[in-house]
Amino acid sequence: MPKEKTSIGNLLEGQAANLNDLIGYQEGAVVSRTLIDKKAGTVNLFAFDEGQGLSEHTAPYDAMVFLVDGEADISIAGKVNRVKMGEVITMPANKPHALIAVSRFKMLLIMVRA
């Protein structure tokens, strides 16, 4: 059986951490950091500079986004949702979705593969 990838989640196991402190912004860029990478799903932390985004795409798995900082427009199946710090939104499997940073923002993306 293949070994699971080591990630920061393994390094932080049993320790509290502030999500804002685990990733920083970079001008004109999108930064990502994997916190957990398991067969059943992944947890990734992203930092988007203002105006940066992800073009419309689909994923074969359900996902949940939690905004750690800032504000983003997240479209799901053509409906735009303004999501702000502290809010959460789910993205159903196989539905087209995209996002754009209204202001720079950080998000926790939890993807469930099982």
PDB file of N, CA and C in Angstrom:
ATOM      1  N   MET A   1       0.853  -1.183   0.000  1.00  0.00           N
ATOM      2  CA  MET A   1       0.000   0.000   0.000  1.00  0.00           C
ATOM      3  C   MET A   1       0.894   1.239   0.000  1.00  0.00           C
ATOM      4  N   PRO A   2       0.620   2.250  -0.884  1.00  0.00           N
ATOM      5  CA  PRO A   2       1.461   3.445  -0.929  1.00  0.00           C
ATOM      6  C   PRO A   2       1.324   4.279   0.336  1.00  0.00           C
ATOM      7  N   LYS A   3       2.420   4.893   0.725  1.00  0.00           N
ATOM      8  CA  LYS A   3       2.450   5.753   1.907  1.00  0.00           C
ATOM      9  C   LYS A   3       1.801   7.099   1.577  1.00  0.00           C
ATOM     10  N   GLU A   4       1.033   7.636   2.516  1.00  0.00           N
ATOM     11  CA  GLU A   4       0.422   8.952   2.329  1.00  0.00           C
ATOM     12  C   GLU A   4       1.525  10.014   2.288  1.00  0.00           C
ATOM     13  N   LYS A   5       1.291  11.070   1.495  1.00  0.00           N
ATOM     14  CA  LYS A   5       2.261  12.149   1.399  1.00  0.00           C
ATOM     15  C   LYS A   5       2.358  12.902   2.720  1.00  0.00           C
ATOM     16  N   THR A   6       3.559  13.273   3.078  1.00  0.00           N
ATOM     17  CA  THR A   6       3.755  14.098   4.264  1.00  0.00           C
ATOM     18  C   THR A   6       3.339  15.527   3.919  1.00  0.00           C
ATOM     19  N   SER A   7       2.658  16.166   4.817  1.00  0.00           N
ATOM     20  CA  SER A   7       2.222  17.539   4.595  1.00  0.00           C
ATOM     21  C   SER A   7       2.369  18.306   5.896  1.00  0.00           C
ATOM     22  N   ILE A   8       2.108  19.589   5.827  1.00  0.00           N
ATOM     23  CA  ILE A   8       2.205  20.413   7.023  1.00  0.00           C
ATOM     24  C   ILE A   8       1.224  19.927   8.085  1.00  0.00           C
ATOM     25  N   GLY A   9       0.105  19.328   7.660  1.00  0.00           N
ATOM     26  CA  GLY A   9      -0.864  18.789   8.617  1.00  0.00           C
ATOM     27  C   GLY A   9      -0.228  17.781   9.543  1.00  0.00           C
ATOM     28  N   ASN A  10       0.649  16.932   8.985  1.00  0.00           N
ATOM     29  CA  ASN A  10       1.348  15.965   9.809  1.00  0.00           C
ATOM     30  C   ASN A  10       2.301  16.663  10.786  1.00  0.00           C
ATOM     31  N   LEU A  11       2.904  17.749  10.332  1.00  0.00           N
ATOM     32  CA  LEU A  11       3.851  18.475  11.178  1.00  0.00           C
ATOM     33  C   LEU A  11       3.150  19.230  12.303  1.00  0.00           C
ATOM     34  N   LEU A  12       1.902  19.641  12.061  1.00  0.00           N
ATOM     35  CA  LEU A  12       1.147  20.398  13.061  1.00  0.00           C
ATOM     36  C   LEU A  12       0.262  19.510  13.918  1.00  0.00           C
ATOM     37  N   GLU A  13       0.302  18.222  13.675  1.00  0.00           N
ATOM     38  CA  GLU A  13      -0.579  17.309  14.397  1.00  0.00           C
ATOM     39  C   GLU A  13      -0.482  17.525  15.902  1.00  0.00           C
ATOM     40  N   GLY A  14      -1.635  17.739  16.515  1.00  0.00           N
ATOM     41  CA  GLY A  14      -1.675  17.933  17.956  1.00  0.00           C
ATOM     42  C   GLY A  14      -1.270  19.322  18.411  1.00  0.00           C
ATOM     43  N   GLN A  15      -1.106  20.264  17.463  1.00  0.00           N
ATOM     44  CA  GLN A  15      -0.710  21.633  17.810  1.00  0.00           C
ATOM     45  C   GLN A  15      -1.699  22.618  17.203  1.00  0.00           C
ATOM     46  N   ALA A  16      -2.025  23.644  17.946  1.00  0.00           N
ATOM     47  CA  ALA A  16      -2.897  24.700  17.431  1.00  0.00           C
ATOM     48  C   ALA A  16      -2.093  25.620  16.523  1.00  0.00           C
ATOM     49  N   ALA A  17      -2.741  26.139  15.491  1.00  0.00           N
ATOM     50  CA  ALA A  17      -2.088  27.076  14.578  1.00  0.00           C
ATOM     51  C   ALA A  17      -3.122  28.063  14.064  1.00  0.00           C
ATOM     52  N   ASN A  18      -2.684  29.268  13.774  1.00  0.00           N
ATOM     53  CA  ASN A  18      -3.527  30.294  13.187  1.00  0.00           C
ATOM     54  C   ASN A  18      -3.402  30.180  11.671  1.00  0.00           C
ATOM     55  N   LEU A  19      -4.518  29.934  10.967  1.00  0.00           N
ATOM     56  CA  LEU A  19      -4.473  29.759   9.515  1.00  0.00           C
ATOM     57  C   LEU A  19      -3.846  30.954   8.809  1.00  0.00           C
ATOM     58  N   ASN A  20      -4.113  32.174   9.277  1.00  0.00           N
ATOM     59  CA  ASN A  20      -3.534  33.363   8.658  1.00  0.00           C
ATOM     60  C   ASN A  20      -2.009  33.345   8.687  1.00  0.00           C
ATOM     61  N   ASP A  21      -1.446  32.729   9.714  1.00  0.00           N
ATOM     62  CA  ASP A  21       0.011  32.702   9.860  1.00  0.00           C
ATOM     63  C   ASP A  21       0.682  31.621   9.012  1.00  0.00           C
ATOM     64  N   LEU A  22      -0.101  30.684   8.456  1.00  0.00           N
ATOM     65  CA  LEU A  22       0.481  29.558   7.721  1.00  0.00           C
ATOM     66  C   LEU A  22       0.763  29.862   6.257  1.00  0.00           C
ATOM     67  N   ILE A  23       0.270  31.008   5.764  1.00  0.00           N
ATOM     68  CA  ILE A  23       0.488  31.368   4.362  1.00  0.00           C
ATOM     69  C   ILE A  23       0.488  32.880   4.238  1.00  0.00           C
ATOM     70  N   GLY A  24       1.299  33.389   3.321  1.00  0.00           N
ATOM     71  CA  GLY A  24       1.370  34.826   3.101  1.00  0.00           C
ATOM     72  C   GLY A  24       0.941  35.194   1.695  1.00  0.00           C
ATOM     73  N   TYR A  25       0.666  36.468   1.489  1.00  0.00           N
ATOM     74  CA  TYR A  25       0.308  36.981   0.170  1.00  0.00           C
ATOM     75  C   TYR A  25       1.569  37.255  -0.638  1.00  0.00           C
ATOM     76  N   GLN A  26       1.457  37.118  -1.967  1.00  0.00           N
ATOM     77  CA  GLN A  26       2.507  37.532  -2.880  1.00  0.00           C
ATOM     78  C   GLN A  26       1.857  38.403  -3.946  1.00  0.00           C
ATOM     79  N   GLU A  27       2.482  39.538  -4.246  1.00  0.00           N
ATOM     80  CA  GLU A  27       1.918  40.485  -5.192  1.00  0.00           C
ATOM     81  C   GLU A  27       1.680  39.832  -6.556  1.00  0.00           C
ATOM     82  N   GLY A  28       0.458  39.994  -7.065  1.00  0.00           N
ATOM     83  CA  GLY A  28       0.103  39.493  -8.386  1.00  0.00           C
ATOM     84  C   GLY A  28       0.068  37.983  -8.520  1.00  0.00           C
ATOM     85  N   ALA A  29      -0.082  37.269  -7.407  1.00  0.00           N
ATOM     86  CA  ALA A  29       0.033  35.810  -7.457  1.00  0.00           C
ATOM     87  C   ALA A  29      -1.010  35.110  -6.601  1.00  0.00           C
ATOM     88  N   VAL A  30      -1.109  33.809  -6.840  1.00  0.00           N
ATOM     89  CA  VAL A  30      -1.882  32.899  -6.015  1.00  0.00           C
ATOM     90  C   VAL A  30      -0.882  31.960  -5.360  1.00  0.00           C
ATOM     91  N   VAL A  31      -0.942  31.848  -4.042  1.00  0.00           N
ATOM     92  CA  VAL A  31      -0.037  30.988  -3.287  1.00  0.00           C
ATOM     93  C   VAL A  31      -0.862  29.870  -2.664  1.00  0.00           C
ATOM     94  N   SER A  32      -0.331  28.648  -2.676  1.00  0.00           N
ATOM     95  CA  SER A  32      -1.064  27.553  -2.049  1.00  0.00           C
ATOM     96  C   SER A  32      -0.148  26.727  -1.167  1.00  0.00           C
ATOM     97  N   ARG A  33      -0.755  26.101  -0.185  1.00  0.00           N
ATOM     98  CA  ARG A  33      -0.013  25.249   0.754  1.00  0.00           C
ATOM     99  C   ARG A  33      -0.909  24.082   1.150  1.00  0.00           C
ATOM    100  N   THR A  34      -0.405  22.884   0.968  1.00  0.00           N
ATOM    101  CA  THR A  34      -1.163  21.694   1.335  1.00  0.00           C
ATOM    102  C   THR A  34      -1.008  21.445   2.824  1.00  0.00           C
ATOM    103  N   LEU A  35      -2.147  21.314   3.508  1.00  0.00           N
ATOM    104  CA  LEU A  35      -2.129  21.028   4.934  1.00  0.00           C
ATOM    105  C   LEU A  35      -2.337  19.540   5.192  1.00  0.00           C
ATOM    106  N   ILE A  36      -3.234  18.919   4.403  1.00  0.00           N
ATOM    107  CA  ILE A  36      -3.494  17.481   4.518  1.00  0.00           C
ATOM    108  C   ILE A  36      -3.697  16.928   3.116  1.00  0.00           C
ATOM    109  N   ASP A  37      -3.082  15.803   2.824  1.00  0.00           N
ATOM    110  CA  ASP A  37      -3.237  15.137   1.535  1.00  0.00           C
ATOM    111  C   ASP A  37      -3.402  13.647   1.793  1.00  0.00           C
ATOM    112  N   LYS A  38      -4.641  13.201   1.781  1.00  0.00           N
ATOM    113  CA  LYS A  38      -4.974  11.805   2.066  1.00  0.00           C
ATOM    114  C   LYS A  38      -5.812  11.242   0.931  1.00  0.00           C
ATOM    115  N   LYS A  39      -5.922   9.938   0.898  1.00  0.00           N
ATOM    116  CA  LYS A  39      -6.723   9.270  -0.124  1.00  0.00           C
ATOM    117  C   LYS A  39      -8.182   9.747  -0.087  1.00  0.00           C
ATOM    118  N   ALA A  40      -8.708  10.003   1.111  1.00  0.00           N
ATOM    119  CA  ALA A  40     -10.106  10.405   1.276  1.00  0.00           C
ATOM    120  C   ALA A  40     -10.355  11.873   0.953  1.00  0.00           C
ATOM    121  N   GLY A  41      -9.302  12.686   0.885  1.00  0.00           N
ATOM    122  CA  GLY A  41      -9.492  14.093   0.576  1.00  0.00           C
ATOM    123  C   GLY A  41      -8.281  14.938   0.891  1.00  0.00           C
ATOM    124  N   THR A  42      -8.392  16.228   0.578  1.00  0.00           N
ATOM    125  CA  THR A  42      -7.290  17.159   0.793  1.00  0.00           C
ATOM    126  C   THR A  42      -7.783  18.412   1.495  1.00  0.00           C
ATOM    127  N   VAL A  43      -6.854  19.074   2.174  1.00  0.00           N
ATOM    128  CA  VAL A  43      -7.102  20.376   2.772  1.00  0.00           C
ATOM    129  C   VAL A  43      -5.954  21.268   2.322  1.00  0.00           C
ATOM    130  N   ASN A  44      -6.313  22.339   1.593  1.00  0.00           N
ATOM    131  CA  ASN A  44      -5.308  23.262   1.077  1.00  0.00           C
ATOM    132  C   ASN A  44      -5.635  24.677   1.514  1.00  0.00           C
ATOM    133  N   LEU A  45      -4.596  25.444   1.772  1.00  0.00           N
ATOM    134  CA  LEU A  45      -4.727  26.842   2.148  1.00  0.00           C
ATOM    135  C   LEU A  45      -4.223  27.676   0.973  1.00  0.00           C
ATOM    136  N   PHE A  46      -4.989  28.678   0.574  1.00  0.00           N
ATOM    137  CA  PHE A  46      -4.628  29.535  -0.557  1.00  0.00           C
ATOM    138  C   PHE A  46      -4.600  30.992  -0.121  1.00  0.00           C
ATOM    139  N   ALA A  47      -3.743  31.779  -0.774  1.00  0.00           N
ATOM    140  CA  ALA A  47      -3.724  33.237  -0.620  1.00  0.00           C
ATOM    141  C   ALA A  47      -3.758  33.842  -2.023  1.00  0.00           C
ATOM    142  N   PHE A  48      -4.781  34.646  -2.306  1.00  0.00           N
ATOM    143  CA  PHE A  48      -4.960  35.275  -3.610  1.00  0.00           C
ATOM    144  C   PHE A  48      -4.743  36.770  -3.477  1.00  0.00           C
ATOM    145  N   ASP A  49      -3.898  37.336  -4.328  1.00  0.00           N
ATOM    146  CA  ASP A  49      -3.758  38.779  -4.358  1.00  0.00           C
ATOM    147  C   ASP A  49      -5.012  39.358  -5.032  1.00  0.00           C
ATOM    148  N   GLU A  50      -5.320  40.613  -4.774  1.00  0.00           N
ATOM    149  CA  GLU A  50      -6.486  41.264  -5.359  1.00  0.00           C
ATOM    150  C   GLU A  50      -6.479  41.107  -6.875  1.00  0.00           C
ATOM    151  N   GLY A  51      -7.638  40.722  -7.427  1.00  0.00           N
ATOM    152  CA  GLY A  51      -7.768  40.556  -8.872  1.00  0.00           C
ATOM    153  C   GLY A  51      -7.374  39.186  -9.390  1.00  0.00           C
ATOM    154  N   GLN A  52      -6.718  38.393  -8.577  1.00  0.00           N
ATOM    155  CA  GLN A  52      -6.329  37.042  -8.990  1.00  0.00           C
ATOM    156  C   GLN A  52      -7.514  36.095  -8.817  1.00  0.00           C
ATOM    157  N   GLY A  53      -7.495  34.975  -9.514  1.00  0.00           N
ATOM    158  CA  GLY A  53      -8.599  34.043  -9.388  1.00  0.00           C
ATOM    159  C   GLY A  53      -8.306  32.709 -10.044  1.00  0.00           C
ATOM    160  N   LEU A  54      -9.342  31.904 -10.109  1.00  0.00           N
ATOM    161  CA  LEU A  54      -9.302  30.622 -10.801  1.00  0.00           C
ATOM    162  C   LEU A  54     -10.425  30.643 -11.828  1.00  0.00           C
ATOM    163  N   SER A  55     -10.102  30.308 -13.081  1.00  0.00           N
ATOM    164  CA  SER A  55     -11.111  30.297 -14.130  1.00  0.00           C
ATOM    165  C   SER A  55     -12.096  29.155 -13.909  1.00  0.00           C
ATOM    166  N   GLU A  56     -13.215  29.244 -14.597  1.00  0.00           N
ATOM    167  CA  GLU A  56     -14.272  28.249 -14.413  1.00  0.00           C
ATOM    168  C   GLU A  56     -13.758  26.847 -14.746  1.00  0.00           C
ATOM    169  N   HIS A  57     -14.092  25.918 -13.872  1.00  0.00           N
ATOM    170  CA  HIS A  57     -13.706  24.516 -14.033  1.00  0.00           C
ATOM    171  C   HIS A  57     -14.672  23.656 -13.229  1.00  0.00           C
ATOM    172  N   THR A  58     -14.565  22.355 -13.379  1.00  0.00           N
ATOM    173  CA  THR A  58     -15.345  21.428 -12.574  1.00  0.00           C
ATOM    174  C   THR A  58     -14.389  20.495 -11.846  1.00  0.00           C
ATOM    175  N   ALA A  59     -14.884  19.882 -10.807  1.00  0.00           N
ATOM    176  CA  ALA A  59     -14.115  18.888 -10.051  1.00  0.00           C
ATOM    177  C   ALA A  59     -15.054  17.708  -9.772  1.00  0.00           C
ATOM    178  N   PRO A  60     -14.506  16.507  -9.764  1.00  0.00           N
ATOM    179  CA  PRO A  60     -15.359  15.332  -9.557  1.00  0.00           C
ATOM    180  C   PRO A  60     -15.729  15.083  -8.095  1.00  0.00           C
ATOM    181  N   TYR A  61     -15.354  16.012  -7.206  1.00  0.00           N
ATOM    182  CA  TYR A  61     -15.585  15.826  -5.770  1.00  0.00           C
ATOM    183  C   TYR A  61     -16.267  17.045  -5.172  1.00  0.00           C
ATOM    184  N   ASP A  62     -17.010  16.832  -4.093  1.00  0.00           N
ATOM    185  CA  ASP A  62     -17.566  17.947  -3.332  1.00  0.00           C
ATOM    186  C   ASP A  62     -16.427  18.687  -2.646  1.00  0.00           C
ATOM    187  N   ALA A  63     -16.598  20.003  -2.508  1.00  0.00           N
ATOM    188  CA  ALA A  63     -15.579  20.812  -1.841  1.00  0.00           C
ATOM    189  C   ALA A  63     -16.263  21.886  -1.004  1.00  0.00           C
ATOM    190  N   MET A  64     -15.548  22.342   0.012  1.00  0.00           N
ATOM    191  CA  MET A  64     -16.018  23.419   0.867  1.00  0.00           C
ATOM    192  C   MET A  64     -14.909  24.451   0.965  1.00  0.00           C
ATOM    193  N   VAL A  65     -15.290  25.713   0.857  1.00  0.00           N
ATOM    194  CA  VAL A  65     -14.347  26.827   0.974  1.00  0.00           C
ATOM    195  C   VAL A  65     -14.711  27.638   2.212  1.00  0.00           C
ATOM    196  N   PHE A  66     -13.699  27.914   3.039  1.00  0.00           N
ATOM    197  CA  PHE A  66     -13.850  28.774   4.212  1.00  0.00           C
ATOM    198  C   PHE A  66     -12.922  29.969   4.016  1.00  0.00           C
ATOM    199  N   LEU A  67     -13.463  31.203   4.008  1.00  0.00           N
ATOM    200  CA  LEU A  67     -12.624  32.386   3.845  1.00  0.00           C
ATOM    201  C   LEU A  67     -12.007  32.774   5.179  1.00  0.00           C
ATOM    202  N   VAL A  68     -10.706  32.717   5.208  1.00  0.00           N
ATOM    203  CA  VAL A  68      -9.916  33.027   6.397  1.00  0.00           C
ATOM    204  C   VAL A  68      -9.698  34.533   6.499  1.00  0.00           C
ATOM    205  N   ASP A  69      -9.627  35.209   5.334  1.00  0.00           N
ATOM    206  CA  ASP A  69      -9.322  36.637   5.286  1.00  0.00           C
ATOM    207  C   ASP A  69      -9.874  37.190   3.976  1.00  0.00           C
ATOM    208  N   GLY A  70     -10.271  38.449   3.955  1.00  0.00           N
ATOM    209  CA  GLY A  70     -10.635  39.118   2.717  1.00  0.00           C
ATOM    210  C   GLY A  70     -12.018  38.810   2.183  1.00  0.00           C
ATOM    211  N   GLU A  71     -12.139  38.946   0.827  1.00  0.00           N
ATOM    212  CA  GLU A  71     -13.439  38.857   0.180  1.00  0.00           C
ATOM    213  C   GLU A  71     -13.259  38.356  -1.254  1.00  0.00           C
ATOM    214  N   ALA A  72     -14.164  37.459  -1.683  1.00  0.00           N
ATOM    215  CA  ALA A  72     -14.087  36.889  -3.028  1.00  0.00           C
ATOM    216  C   ALA A  72     -15.466  36.719  -3.627  1.00  0.00           C
ATOM    217  N   ASP A  73     -15.523  36.766  -4.952  1.00  0.00           N
ATOM    218  CA  ASP A  73     -16.728  36.386  -5.676  1.00  0.00           C
ATOM    219  C   ASP A  73     -16.514  34.954  -6.152  1.00  0.00           C
ATOM    220  N   ILE A  74     -17.370  34.063  -5.696  1.00  0.00           N
ATOM    221  CA  ILE A  74     -17.284  32.651  -6.070  1.00  0.00           C
ATOM    222  C   ILE A  74     -18.558  32.312  -6.828  1.00  0.00           C
ATOM    223  N   SER A  75     -18.382  31.915  -8.097  1.00  0.00           N
ATOM    224  CA  SER A  75     -19.546  31.536  -8.899  1.00  0.00           C
ATOM    225  C   SER A  75     -19.661  30.022  -8.938  1.00  0.00           C
ATOM    226  N   ILE A  76     -20.885  29.551  -8.792  1.00  0.00           N
ATOM    227  CA  ILE A  76     -21.188  28.121  -8.833  1.00  0.00           C
ATOM    228  C   ILE A  76     -22.376  27.957  -9.771  1.00  0.00           C
ATOM    229  N   ALA A  77     -22.159  27.216 -10.854  1.00  0.00           N
ATOM    230  CA  ALA A  77     -23.213  26.979 -11.855  1.00  0.00           C
ATOM    231  C   ALA A  77     -23.839  28.299 -12.313  1.00  0.00           C
ATOM    232  N   GLY A  78     -22.991  29.321 -12.519  1.00  0.00           N
ATOM    233  CA  GLY A  78     -23.448  30.604 -13.037  1.00  0.00           C
ATOM    234  C   GLY A  78     -23.954  31.597 -12.008  1.00  0.00           C
ATOM    235  N   LYS A  79     -24.121  31.196 -10.756  1.00  0.00           N
ATOM    236  CA  LYS A  79     -24.594  32.111  -9.709  1.00  0.00           C
ATOM    237  C   LYS A  79     -23.392  32.643  -8.935  1.00  0.00           C
ATOM    238  N   VAL A  80     -23.252  33.974  -8.887  1.00  0.00           N
ATOM    239  CA  VAL A  80     -22.135  34.605  -8.177  1.00  0.00           C
ATOM    240  C   VAL A  80     -22.512  34.823  -6.721  1.00  0.00           C
ATOM    241  N   ASN A  81     -21.603  34.412  -5.839  1.00  0.00           N
ATOM    242  CA  ASN A  81     -21.772  34.569  -4.394  1.00  0.00           C
ATOM    243  C   ASN A  81     -20.634  35.417  -3.861  1.00  0.00           C
ATOM    244  N   ARG A  82     -20.936  36.522  -3.193  1.00  0.00           N
ATOM    245  CA  ARG A  82     -19.909  37.338  -2.540  1.00  0.00           C
ATOM    246  C   ARG A  82     -19.659  36.689  -1.179  1.00  0.00           C
ATOM    247  N   VAL A  83     -18.451  36.179  -0.972  1.00  0.00           N
ATOM    248  CA  VAL A  83     -18.098  35.470   0.256  1.00  0.00           C
ATOM    249  C   VAL A  83     -17.056  36.303   0.990  1.00  0.00           C
ATOM    250  N   LYS A  84     -17.260  36.483   2.303  1.00  0.00           N
ATOM    251  CA  LYS A  84     -16.392  37.340   3.110  1.00  0.00           C
ATOM    252  C   LYS A  84     -15.740  36.547   4.233  1.00  0.00           C
ATOM    253  N   MET A  85     -14.712  37.146   4.815  1.00  0.00           N
ATOM    254  CA  MET A  85     -13.980  36.528   5.911  1.00  0.00           C
ATOM    255  C   MET A  85     -14.940  35.931   6.939  1.00  0.00           C
ATOM    256  N   GLY A  86     -14.658  34.681   7.315  1.00  0.00           N
ATOM    257  CA  GLY A  86     -15.468  33.993   8.305  1.00  0.00           C
ATOM    258  C   GLY A  86     -16.628  33.212   7.717  1.00  0.00           C
ATOM    259  N   GLU A  87     -16.891  33.368   6.417  1.00  0.00           N
ATOM    260  CA  GLU A  87     -17.998  32.666   5.783  1.00  0.00           C
ATOM    261  C   GLU A  87     -17.519  31.409   5.068  1.00  0.00           C
ATOM    262  N   VAL A  88     -18.457  30.517   4.826  1.00  0.00           N
ATOM    263  CA  VAL A  88     -18.159  29.237   4.189  1.00  0.00           C
ATOM    264  C   VAL A  88     -19.157  29.002   3.062  1.00  0.00           C
ATOM    265  N   ILE A  89     -18.725  28.291   2.016  1.00  0.00           N
ATOM    266  CA  ILE A  89     -19.604  27.936   0.909  1.00  0.00           C
ATOM    267  C   ILE A  89     -19.195  26.554   0.408  1.00  0.00           C
ATOM    268  N   THR A  90     -20.174  25.781  -0.031  1.00  0.00           N
ATOM    269  CA  THR A  90     -19.867  24.465  -0.576  1.00  0.00           C
ATOM    270  C   THR A  90     -20.018  24.494  -2.096  1.00  0.00           C
ATOM    271  N   MET A  91     -19.191  23.693  -2.752  1.00  0.00           N
ATOM    272  CA  MET A  91     -19.209  23.569  -4.207  1.00  0.00           C
ATOM    273  C   MET A  91     -19.477  22.105  -4.532  1.00  0.00           C
ATOM    274  N   PRO A  92     -20.655  21.806  -5.063  1.00  0.00           N
ATOM    275  CA  PRO A  92     -20.997  20.410  -5.368  1.00  0.00           C
ATOM    276  C   PRO A  92     -20.135  19.838  -6.492  1.00  0.00           C
ATOM    277  N   ALA A  93     -19.909  18.557  -6.436  1.00  0.00           N
ATOM    278  CA  ALA A  93     -19.160  17.852  -7.471  1.00  0.00           C
ATOM    279  C   ALA A  93     -19.797  18.089  -8.836  1.00  0.00           C
ATOM    280  N   ASN A  94     -18.934  18.229  -9.839  1.00  0.00           N
ATOM    281  CA  ASN A  94     -19.336  18.317 -11.253  1.00  0.00           C
ATOM    282  C   ASN A  94     -20.123  19.572 -11.629  1.00  0.00           C
ATOM    283  N   LYS A  95     -20.207  20.557 -10.732  1.00  0.00           N
ATOM    284  CA  LYS A  95     -20.842  21.835 -11.069  1.00  0.00           C
ATOM    285  C   LYS A  95     -19.728  22.830 -11.396  1.00  0.00           C
ATOM    286  N   PRO A  96     -19.844  23.563 -12.494  1.00  0.00           N
ATOM    287  CA  PRO A  96     -18.791  24.529 -12.831  1.00  0.00           C
ATOM    288  C   PRO A  96     -18.697  25.625 -11.770  1.00  0.00           C
ATOM    289  N   HIS A  97     -17.475  25.978 -11.423  1.00  0.00           N
ATOM    290  CA  HIS A  97     -17.257  27.034 -10.435  1.00  0.00           C
ATOM    291  C   HIS A  97     -15.983  27.810 -10.777  1.00  0.00           C
ATOM    292  N   ALA A  98     -15.928  29.032 -10.295  1.00  0.00           N
ATOM    293  CA  ALA A  98     -14.787  29.920 -10.514  1.00  0.00           C
ATOM    294  C   ALA A  98     -14.736  30.900  -9.361  1.00  0.00           C
ATOM    295  N   LEU A  99     -13.597  31.582  -9.221  1.00  0.00           N
ATOM    296  CA  LEU A  99     -13.520  32.611  -8.182  1.00  0.00           C
ATOM    297  C   LEU A  99     -12.565  33.709  -8.585  1.00  0.00           C
ATOM    298  N   ILE A 100     -12.812  34.887  -8.021  1.00  0.00           N
ATOM    299  CA  ILE A 100     -11.977  36.064  -8.250  1.00  0.00           C
ATOM    300  C   ILE A 100     -11.871  36.842  -6.942  1.00  0.00           C
ATOM    301  N   ALA A 101     -10.691  37.350  -6.658  1.00  0.00           N
ATOM    302  CA  ALA A 101     -10.456  38.105  -5.426  1.00  0.00           C
ATOM    303  C   ALA A 101     -10.992  39.523  -5.568  1.00  0.00           C
ATOM    304  N   VAL A 102     -12.025  39.860  -4.804  1.00  0.00           N
ATOM    305  CA  VAL A 102     -12.546  41.220  -4.745  1.00  0.00           C
ATOM    306  C   VAL A 102     -11.506  42.085  -4.028  1.00  0.00           C
ATOM    307  N   SER A 103     -10.984  41.566  -2.939  1.00  0.00           N
ATOM    308  CA  SER A 103      -9.813  42.103  -2.252  1.00  0.00           C
ATOM    309  C   SER A 103      -8.914  40.888  -2.036  1.00  0.00           C
ATOM    310  N   ARG A 104      -7.689  41.090  -1.670  1.00  0.00           N
ATOM    311  CA  ARG A 104      -6.879  39.892  -1.454  1.00  0.00           C
ATOM    312  C   ARG A 104      -7.540  39.056  -0.363  1.00  0.00           C
ATOM    313  N   PHE A 105      -7.453  37.750  -0.543  1.00  0.00           N
ATOM    314  CA  PHE A 105      -8.126  36.881   0.412  1.00  0.00           C
ATOM    315  C   PHE A 105      -7.382  35.569   0.576  1.00  0.00           C
ATOM    316  N   LYS A 106      -7.662  34.928   1.711  1.00  0.00           N
ATOM    317  CA  LYS A 106      -7.129  33.599   2.003  1.00  0.00           C
ATOM    318  C   LYS A 106      -8.307  32.662   2.192  1.00  0.00           C
ATOM    319  N   MET A 107      -8.150  31.443   1.686  1.00  0.00           N
ATOM    320  CA  MET A 107      -9.231  30.476   1.838  1.00  0.00           C
ATOM    321  C   MET A 107      -8.672  29.112   2.170  1.00  0.00           C
ATOM    322  N   LEU A 108      -9.457  28.375   2.915  1.00  0.00           N
ATOM    323  CA  LEU A 108      -9.177  26.975   3.214  1.00  0.00           C
ATOM    324  C   LEU A 108     -10.091  26.178   2.304  1.00  0.00           C
ATOM    325  N   LEU A 109      -9.522  25.310   1.474  1.00  0.00           N
ATOM    326  CA  LEU A 109     -10.289  24.471   0.560  1.00  0.00           C
ATOM    327  C   LEU A 109     -10.228  23.029   1.062  1.00  0.00           C
ATOM    328  N   ILE A 110     -11.396  22.478   1.353  1.00  0.00           N
ATOM    329  CA  ILE A 110     -11.499  21.104   1.833  1.00  0.00           C
ATOM    330  C   ILE A 110     -12.201  20.296   0.749  1.00  0.00           C
ATOM    331  N   MET A 111     -11.486  19.346   0.159  1.00  0.00           N
ATOM    332  CA  MET A 111     -12.052  18.512  -0.887  1.00  0.00           C
ATOM    333  C   MET A 111     -12.233  17.102  -0.364  1.00  0.00           C
ATOM    334  N   VAL A 112     -13.441  16.567  -0.532  1.00  0.00           N
ATOM    335  CA  VAL A 112     -13.766  15.233  -0.023  1.00  0.00           C
ATOM    336  C   VAL A 112     -13.857  14.279  -1.199  1.00  0.00           C
ATOM    337  N   ARG A 113     -12.989  13.269  -1.203  1.00  0.00           N
ATOM    338  CA  ARG A 113     -12.953  12.315  -2.316  1.00  0.00           C
ATOM    339  C   ARG A 113     -13.733  11.043  -2.023  1.00  0.00           C
ATOM    340  N   ALA A 114     -14.168  10.850  -0.812  1.00  0.00           N
ATOM    341  CA  ALA A 114     -14.868   9.612  -0.459  1.00  0.00           C
ATOM    342  C   ALA A 114     -16.319   9.864  -0.153  1.00  0.00           C
TER     343      ALA A 114
END
